[in-house]
Amino acid sequence: MADNKIRLLVLFGGVSGEHEVSLISAGNVISAVNKDRYDVIPVFISKQGEWFTAADPKLLLSGNASSAYTVCLPADPTKKHLHSLDGRTLPQELSKNIDCAFPVLHGPNGEDGTIQGLLTLANIPFVGAGVLSSALIMDKGYTKLVFQHNDLPTLPYLVYNYHDWLKDQPSIISQIEQELHYPVFTKPCNLGSSVGISKIKSRKELDLGLTEAFRYDNRVIVEQGISARELECAVLGNLEPKCSILGEIVPANEFYDYNAKYIDDNSELLVPAPVDDELTRLAQGIAIRAFLATNCRGMVRADFLLDKETGKLYLSEINTIPGFTAISMYPKLWQASGLSYPQLIDELVRLALEEQGARDRLKKSYR
């Protein structure tokens, strides 16, 4: 780490339905980074999967990479720097060895273990969960199985794949109606930011909702809907994680969908959530248990549903790379808990380097 600065690779964009959200998150992260502590190496991944870098991150954050350098990162631990693919020599500040990576990538090909696998092969420390945890938590169906195995409270659900949907749609709809009751939610298993999610109140809507979800993924989860308050908690740490205070989302729409999160700006974010200390401690305990049960590192945002009728708290899901936009809950919850945005980035990088140290201590050969 020459000049006592950490060279921080920030990855954003990506081949995902959450591409645009990633650009917003990355812009906030890059703006908040302490420039006295970090040299940022920005990399924009296009919707076609091409990697671009430029000295000015604003060029990349606009989604216009026409004059940027086309690059790659080799899966080679002896070459921990970007390599030019277009014949041009990279400026020195973009070609130095990378000290740590911060994937600000939401959804498939960024949050699902793929980028984490590349960084692991390159032996570069990175912020957030490892390959196994990332892949597991990206899939809502398999995450629910782990929750159930660890006695974490979840709502009833069913999972289907696209092959079975094409083969026998009437049987799937019949099973859903037998085992769940309206309303239900249809969701792609491997996506976030509420992309492809529908609230379903009838059989006709169910057919449309499943069709919409299958546009984004070959596996779809159908979850029981309830009248609920939406609560969130931020977790930070490695083997001894800590929790933020709770926040509550009061969506402007029927649920906290993509428009409510990123476009309409009419939803209300209550930080702290107006709940009692007992419920706060319960949610924090569940969030930490979920973090440890899935072997997470760095950060997760835990999402809860509080049944308005029974008062029962359900764990909806956890997210390994939560949004970092200006209105995103994860940084807001830590700010309200006494950790500023720049301090949060410092802590995430510190945790990444700590986890890399734990990996480096392991023997790489038997003899």
Protein backbone atom coordinates (compact mmCIF):
# COMPACT_ATOMS: atom_id res chain seq x y z
CA MET A 1 0.00 0.00 0.00
CA ALA A 2 2.30 2.68 -1.32
CA ASP A 3 1.91 6.21 0.01
CA ASN A 4 -0.08 4.67 2.90
CA LYS A 5 -3.17 4.79 0.70
CA ILE A 6 -5.38 1.78 0.05
CA ARG A 7 -5.99 1.19 -3.65
CA LEU A 8 -9.68 0.36 -3.66
CA LEU A 9 -11.23 -1.29 -6.71
CA VAL A 10 -14.92 -0.29 -6.90
CA LEU A 11 -16.95 -2.55 -9.20
CA PHE A 12 -20.38 -1.44 -10.39
CA GLY A 13 -22.96 -1.81 -13.15
CA GLY A 14 -23.17 -5.46 -14.13
CA VAL A 15 -25.20 -7.90 -16.19
CA SER A 16 -28.31 -7.71 -14.06
CA GLY A 17 -31.77 -6.22 -13.80
CA GLU A 18 -30.32 -4.15 -10.96
CA HIS A 19 -27.69 -2.47 -13.17
CA GLU A 20 -29.10 1.05 -12.75
CA VAL A 21 -29.41 0.71 -8.97
CA SER A 22 -25.75 -0.33 -8.83
CA LEU A 23 -24.69 2.89 -10.60
CA ILE A 24 -26.52 4.99 -8.02
CA SER A 25 -25.04 3.01 -5.11
CA ALA A 26 -21.51 3.20 -6.52
CA GLY A 27 -21.77 6.94 -7.05
CA ASN A 28 -22.56 7.39 -3.38
CA VAL A 29 -19.75 5.07 -2.26
CA ILE A 30 -17.15 6.79 -4.44
CA SER A 31 -18.29 10.24 -3.25
CA ALA A 32 -18.12 9.19 0.40
CA VAL A 33 -14.68 7.54 0.27
CA ASN A 34 -12.03 9.39 2.25
CA LYS A 35 -9.65 10.51 -0.52
CA ASP A 36 -6.82 10.88 1.99
CA ARG A 37 -7.04 7.15 2.76
CA TYR A 38 -8.00 5.62 -0.59
CA ASP A 39 -7.10 5.77 -4.24
CA VAL A 40 -10.25 4.61 -6.03
CA ILE A 41 -9.91 2.46 -9.14
CA PRO A 42 -13.39 2.52 -10.69
CA VAL A 43 -14.60 -0.27 -12.96
CA PHE A 44 -17.89 -0.12 -14.81
CA ILE A 45 -19.30 -3.46 -16.02
CA SER A 46 -21.67 -2.98 -18.95
CA LYS A 47 -24.92 -4.89 -19.47
CA GLN A 48 -22.98 -6.96 -22.00
CA GLY A 49 -20.35 -7.86 -19.38
CA GLU A 50 -17.49 -5.67 -20.68
CA TRP A 51 -15.22 -4.04 -18.11
CA PHE A 52 -14.24 -0.37 -18.43
CA THR A 53 -12.11 1.95 -16.34
CA ALA A 54 -11.30 5.65 -16.45
CA ALA A 55 -9.49 8.16 -14.27
CA ASP A 56 -12.75 10.09 -13.83
CA PRO A 57 -15.42 7.90 -12.21
CA LYS A 58 -18.17 10.31 -13.36
CA LEU A 59 -17.60 9.19 -16.93
CA LEU A 60 -18.34 5.60 -15.97
CA LEU A 61 -21.19 6.37 -13.57
CA SER A 62 -23.07 8.05 -16.40
CA GLY A 63 -23.12 4.69 -18.20
CA ASN A 64 -21.16 6.21 -21.11
CA ALA A 65 -17.90 4.28 -21.46
CA SER A 66 -17.16 5.17 -25.10
CA SER A 67 -13.79 6.79 -24.32
CA ALA A 68 -12.90 4.57 -21.35
CA TYR A 69 -10.28 1.82 -21.28
CA THR A 70 -11.47 -1.74 -21.86
CA VAL A 71 -9.90 -3.92 -19.17
CA CYS A 72 -9.98 -7.23 -17.36
CA LEU A 73 -8.81 -8.58 -14.02
CA PRO A 74 -6.89 -11.85 -14.42
CA ALA A 75 -7.67 -14.71 -12.07
CA ASP A 76 -3.98 -14.78 -11.22
CA PRO A 77 -2.70 -13.90 -7.73
CA THR A 78 0.63 -12.73 -9.17
CA LYS A 79 -1.09 -10.05 -11.29
CA LYS A 80 -3.35 -8.11 -8.93
CA HIS A 81 -4.06 -5.24 -11.27
CA LEU A 82 -6.21 -4.33 -14.24
CA HIS A 83 -4.97 -5.27 -17.71
CA SER A 84 -5.77 -3.32 -20.86
CA LEU A 85 -7.67 -5.16 -23.60
CA ASP A 86 -7.83 -2.44 -26.24
CA GLY A 87 -4.12 -1.94 -26.94
CA ARG A 88 -3.84 1.30 -25.00
CA THR A 89 -1.54 1.68 -22.02
CA LEU A 90 -3.40 2.33 -18.79
CA PRO A 91 -2.48 5.42 -16.77
CA GLN A 92 -0.29 4.57 -13.81
CA GLU A 93 -3.02 5.28 -11.25
CA LEU A 94 -5.27 2.67 -12.89
CA SER A 95 -2.66 -0.04 -13.35
CA LYS A 96 -1.32 -0.36 -9.81
CA ASN A 97 -1.84 -3.46 -7.72
CA ILE A 98 -5.24 -3.57 -6.02
CA ASP A 99 -5.27 -3.70 -2.21
CA CYS A 100 -9.00 -4.32 -1.74
CA ALA A 101 -12.13 -4.60 -3.87
CA PHE A 102 -15.59 -3.26 -3.10
CA PRO A 103 -18.21 -4.95 -5.31
CA VAL A 104 -21.13 -2.51 -5.44
CA LEU A 105 -22.99 -4.94 -7.67
CA HIS A 106 -26.59 -5.96 -7.02
CA GLY A 107 -28.16 -9.15 -8.31
CA PRO A 108 -26.80 -11.95 -10.55
CA ASN A 109 -23.19 -11.81 -11.77
CA GLY A 110 -22.18 -9.61 -8.88
CA GLU A 111 -23.92 -10.57 -5.66
CA ASP A 112 -24.21 -14.30 -6.31
CA GLY A 113 -20.63 -15.48 -5.75
CA THR A 114 -19.36 -15.06 -9.32
CA ILE A 115 -17.35 -11.86 -8.77
CA GLN A 116 -16.39 -13.16 -5.32
CA GLY A 117 -14.97 -16.28 -7.00
CA LEU A 118 -12.85 -14.21 -9.38
CA LEU A 119 -11.51 -12.06 -6.54
CA THR A 120 -10.76 -15.18 -4.49
CA LEU A 121 -8.80 -16.70 -7.37
CA ALA A 122 -6.89 -13.41 -7.75
CA ASN A 123 -6.29 -13.45 -3.96
CA ILE A 124 -7.62 -9.90 -3.61
CA PRO A 125 -9.42 -8.97 -0.37
CA PHE A 126 -13.01 -7.91 -0.99
CA VAL A 127 -15.85 -6.35 0.95
CA GLY A 128 -18.74 -8.62 1.87
CA ALA A 129 -19.64 -12.29 1.91
CA GLY A 130 -17.60 -15.04 0.27
CA VAL A 131 -18.49 -17.36 -2.60
CA LEU A 132 -20.70 -19.85 -0.74
CA SER A 133 -22.64 -17.31 1.33
CA SER A 134 -23.15 -15.00 -1.65
CA ALA A 135 -24.45 -17.80 -3.88
CA LEU A 136 -26.71 -19.18 -1.15
CA ILE A 137 -28.29 -15.89 -0.13
CA MET A 138 -28.79 -14.78 -3.73
CA ASP A 139 -31.31 -17.62 -4.05
CA LYS A 140 -34.33 -16.85 -1.88
CA GLY A 141 -35.52 -20.46 -1.93
CA TYR A 142 -32.31 -22.00 -0.61
CA THR A 143 -31.92 -19.20 1.92
CA LYS A 144 -35.35 -20.08 3.32
CA LEU A 145 -34.21 -23.70 3.76
CA VAL A 146 -31.25 -22.54 5.87
CA PHE A 147 -33.53 -20.26 7.89
CA GLN A 148 -35.89 -23.14 8.60
CA HIS A 149 -33.02 -25.47 9.56
CA ASN A 150 -31.88 -22.88 12.10
CA ASP A 151 -35.39 -22.27 13.50
CA LEU A 152 -35.54 -18.71 12.18
CA PRO A 153 -39.15 -17.53 11.74
CA THR A 154 -40.24 -17.46 8.08
CA LEU A 155 -43.57 -17.33 6.28
CA PRO A 156 -44.85 -20.32 4.24
CA TYR A 157 -43.53 -20.47 0.67
CA LEU A 158 -43.26 -22.64 -2.45
CA VAL A 159 -40.53 -22.76 -5.12
CA TYR A 160 -40.92 -23.66 -8.80
CA ASN A 161 -38.62 -23.88 -11.81
CA TYR A 162 -39.37 -22.70 -15.32
CA HIS A 163 -39.33 -26.21 -16.83
CA ASP A 164 -42.13 -27.37 -14.53
CA TRP A 165 -44.08 -24.15 -15.15
CA LEU A 166 -44.04 -24.74 -18.91
CA LYS A 167 -44.97 -28.38 -18.45
CA ASP A 168 -47.93 -28.06 -16.09
CA GLN A 169 -49.10 -24.57 -15.18
CA PRO A 170 -52.56 -25.65 -13.91
CA SER A 171 -51.04 -28.03 -11.32
CA ILE A 172 -48.71 -25.33 -10.01
CA ILE A 173 -51.54 -22.82 -9.66
CA SER A 174 -53.69 -25.47 -7.96
CA GLN A 175 -50.92 -26.32 -5.44
CA ILE A 176 -50.38 -22.65 -4.60
CA GLU A 177 -54.09 -22.15 -3.96
CA GLN A 178 -54.24 -25.29 -1.79
CA GLU A 179 -51.20 -24.56 0.37
CA LEU A 180 -51.27 -20.74 0.52
CA HIS A 181 -54.03 -18.16 0.41
CA TYR A 182 -54.36 -14.82 -1.33
CA PRO A 183 -52.63 -12.46 -1.23
CA VAL A 184 -49.30 -14.05 -2.14
CA PHE A 185 -46.10 -12.59 -3.57
CA THR A 186 -44.36 -13.99 -6.66
CA LYS A 187 -40.62 -13.29 -6.83
CA PRO A 188 -37.60 -14.32 -8.92
CA CYS A 189 -35.41 -16.40 -6.60
CA ASN A 190 -32.19 -14.76 -7.77
CA LEU A 191 -32.85 -11.05 -7.93
CA GLY A 192 -33.35 -8.09 -5.62
CA SER A 193 -34.47 -4.45 -5.55
CA SER A 194 -38.06 -5.78 -5.95
CA VAL A 195 -37.45 -6.41 -9.66
CA GLY A 196 -40.02 -8.87 -11.03
CA ILE A 197 -42.03 -9.01 -7.79
CA SER A 198 -45.84 -8.91 -7.83
CA LYS A 199 -48.50 -8.87 -5.14
CA ILE A 200 -51.17 -11.37 -6.16
CA LYS A 201 -54.81 -11.26 -5.09
CA SER A 202 -56.50 -13.66 -7.53
CA ARG A 203 -55.93 -16.62 -9.86
CA LYS A 204 -55.78 -14.35 -12.90
CA GLU A 205 -53.12 -12.20 -11.25
CA LEU A 206 -51.23 -15.33 -10.18
CA ASP A 207 -50.72 -16.45 -13.77
CA LEU A 208 -49.49 -12.97 -14.71
CA GLY A 209 -47.26 -12.68 -11.64
CA LEU A 210 -45.56 -16.01 -12.22
CA THR A 211 -45.03 -15.17 -15.89
CA GLU A 212 -43.46 -11.85 -14.90
CA ALA A 213 -41.16 -13.45 -12.31
CA PHE A 214 -40.02 -16.12 -14.79
CA ARG A 215 -38.91 -13.33 -17.15
CA TYR A 216 -36.03 -12.64 -14.74
CA ASP A 217 -35.14 -16.07 -13.36
CA ASN A 218 -35.63 -19.78 -13.99
CA ARG A 219 -36.57 -20.29 -10.34
CA VAL A 220 -39.45 -18.47 -8.71
CA ILE A 221 -40.59 -18.33 -5.10
CA VAL A 222 -44.22 -17.81 -4.05
CA GLU A 223 -44.56 -16.46 -0.51
CA GLN A 224 -47.56 -16.09 1.74
CA GLY A 225 -48.64 -12.49 2.00
CA ILE A 226 -49.73 -10.91 5.27
CA SER A 227 -50.76 -7.47 6.45
CA ALA A 228 -47.42 -6.39 7.85
CA ARG A 229 -45.12 -3.58 8.82
CA GLU A 230 -41.76 -3.72 7.02
CA LEU A 231 -38.73 -3.47 9.31
CA GLU A 232 -35.02 -3.58 8.50
CA CYS A 233 -31.81 -4.05 10.47
CA ALA A 234 -28.19 -3.61 9.36
CA VAL A 235 -25.50 -6.12 10.40
CA LEU A 236 -21.77 -5.37 10.31
CA GLY A 237 -18.84 -7.60 11.21
CA ASN A 238 -17.17 -10.95 10.62
CA LEU A 239 -17.28 -13.57 13.36
CA GLU A 240 -18.54 -11.14 16.00
CA PRO A 241 -21.16 -9.10 14.10
CA LYS A 242 -23.07 -6.19 15.56
CA CYS A 243 -26.47 -4.74 14.70
CA SER A 244 -27.77 -1.27 14.02
CA ILE A 245 -31.01 0.11 15.36
CA LEU A 246 -34.16 -0.85 13.45
CA GLY A 247 -35.77 1.12 10.65
CA GLU A 248 -39.27 0.93 9.23
CA ILE A 249 -40.41 1.39 5.65
CA VAL A 250 -43.88 2.81 5.04
CA PRO A 251 -44.27 2.21 1.29
CA ALA A 252 -46.18 4.66 -0.86
CA ASN A 253 -47.37 1.79 -3.05
CA GLU A 254 -49.02 -1.49 -2.00
CA PHE A 255 -45.58 -2.83 -1.13
CA TYR A 256 -42.00 -1.57 -1.32
CA ASP A 257 -41.58 -2.19 -5.04
CA TYR A 258 -38.91 -0.89 -7.45
CA ASN A 259 -40.74 2.39 -8.13
CA ALA A 260 -41.25 3.02 -4.42
CA LYS A 261 -37.57 2.38 -3.71
CA TYR A 262 -35.90 4.33 -6.48
CA ILE A 263 -38.31 6.43 -8.56
CA ASP A 264 -41.40 7.79 -6.81
CA ASP A 265 -39.61 8.97 -3.64
CA ASN A 266 -42.96 8.98 -1.83
CA SER A 267 -42.26 6.18 0.64
CA GLU A 268 -41.45 7.03 4.24
CA LEU A 269 -38.33 5.71 5.96
CA LEU A 270 -38.61 5.83 9.74
CA VAL A 271 -35.25 5.71 11.52
CA PRO A 272 -35.41 4.61 14.24
CA ALA A 273 -38.50 2.44 13.80
CA PRO A 274 -41.30 3.18 16.28
CA VAL A 275 -41.08 -0.18 18.06
CA ASP A 276 -40.32 -1.13 21.66
CA ASP A 277 -36.98 -2.33 22.98
CA GLU A 278 -38.13 -5.94 23.28
CA LEU A 279 -38.99 -6.18 19.59
CA THR A 280 -35.75 -4.41 18.67
CA ARG A 281 -33.70 -6.95 20.63
CA LEU A 282 -35.66 -9.82 19.08
CA ALA A 283 -35.04 -8.59 15.53
CA GLN A 284 -31.36 -7.92 16.21
CA GLY A 285 -30.92 -11.41 17.64
CA ILE A 286 -32.58 -13.01 14.62
CA ALA A 287 -30.48 -10.91 12.24
CA ILE A 288 -27.22 -11.99 13.89
CA ARG A 289 -28.31 -15.65 13.95
CA ALA A 290 -29.11 -15.44 10.23
CA PHE A 291 -25.75 -13.77 9.52
CA LEU A 292 -23.83 -16.52 11.33
CA ALA A 293 -25.99 -19.38 10.02
CA THR A 294 -25.20 -18.39 6.44
CA ASN A 295 -21.47 -17.83 7.23
CA CYS A 296 -21.60 -14.20 6.13
CA ARG A 297 -18.82 -11.66 6.35
CA GLY A 298 -18.76 -7.87 6.25
CA MET A 299 -22.37 -6.82 5.96
CA VAL A 300 -25.97 -7.84 5.46
CA ARG A 301 -29.29 -6.06 5.64
CA ALA A 302 -31.99 -8.15 7.31
CA ASP A 303 -35.58 -7.55 6.23
CA PHE A 304 -38.50 -8.38 8.52
CA LEU A 305 -42.29 -8.51 8.34
CA LEU A 306 -44.20 -7.72 11.52
CA ASP A 307 -47.72 -9.15 11.34
CA LYS A 308 -50.17 -6.34 12.17
CA GLU A 309 -52.77 -8.79 13.46
CA THR A 310 -50.73 -11.25 15.53
CA GLY A 311 -47.64 -9.16 16.35
CA LYS A 312 -45.41 -12.05 15.17
CA LEU A 313 -42.08 -11.16 13.59
CA TYR A 314 -40.94 -12.99 10.43
CA LEU A 315 -37.53 -12.87 8.75
CA SER A 316 -38.20 -12.15 5.08
CA GLU A 317 -34.66 -12.24 3.67
CA ILE A 318 -31.10 -11.01 4.07
CA ASN A 319 -29.09 -9.14 1.47
CA THR A 320 -25.29 -9.41 1.17
CA ILE A 321 -24.78 -6.24 -0.90
CA PRO A 322 -27.53 -3.89 0.21
CA GLY A 323 -28.24 -0.65 -1.59
CA PHE A 324 -25.87 2.25 -0.92
CA THR A 325 -27.96 4.99 -2.53
CA ALA A 326 -28.60 8.24 -0.67
CA ILE A 327 -31.95 6.90 0.60
CA SER A 328 -30.90 3.27 1.18
CA MET A 329 -31.60 1.84 4.61
CA TYR A 330 -28.23 0.16 5.23
CA PRO A 331 -26.08 3.33 5.42
CA LYS A 332 -28.98 5.29 6.98
CA LEU A 333 -29.30 2.78 9.83
CA TRP A 334 -25.58 2.95 10.59
CA GLN A 335 -25.57 6.73 10.44
CA ALA A 336 -28.40 6.76 12.98
CA SER A 337 -26.40 4.25 15.07
CA GLY A 338 -23.39 6.58 15.19
CA LEU A 339 -21.34 5.42 12.19
CA SER A 340 -20.97 7.95 9.38
CA TYR A 341 -20.94 6.92 5.71
CA PRO A 342 -17.11 7.33 5.37
CA GLN A 343 -16.58 5.47 8.67
CA LEU A 344 -18.83 2.66 7.42
CA ILE A 345 -16.69 2.27 4.31
CA ASP A 346 -13.53 2.26 6.46
CA GLU A 347 -14.97 -0.50 8.64
CA LEU A 348 -16.07 -2.60 5.66
CA VAL A 349 -12.58 -2.38 4.16
CA ARG A 350 -11.02 -3.23 7.53
CA LEU A 351 -13.25 -6.30 7.80
CA ALA A 352 -12.32 -7.34 4.26
CA LEU A 353 -8.60 -7.14 5.07
CA GLU A 354 -9.20 -9.03 8.33
CA GLU A 355 -10.98 -11.83 6.48
CA GLN A 356 -8.20 -11.99 3.90
CA GLY A 357 -5.73 -12.42 6.76
CA ALA A 358 -7.78 -15.38 8.01
CA ARG A 359 -7.58 -16.96 4.54
CA ASP A 360 -3.87 -16.24 4.10
CA ARG A 361 -2.93 -18.07 7.31
CA LEU A 362 -4.15 -21.38 5.84
CA LYS A 363 -1.66 -23.83 4.37
CA LYS A 364 -1.91 -24.15 0.60
CA SER A 365 -0.22 -27.55 0.29
CA TYR A 366 -0.14 -30.77 2.28
CA ARG A 367 3.66 -31.13 2.39
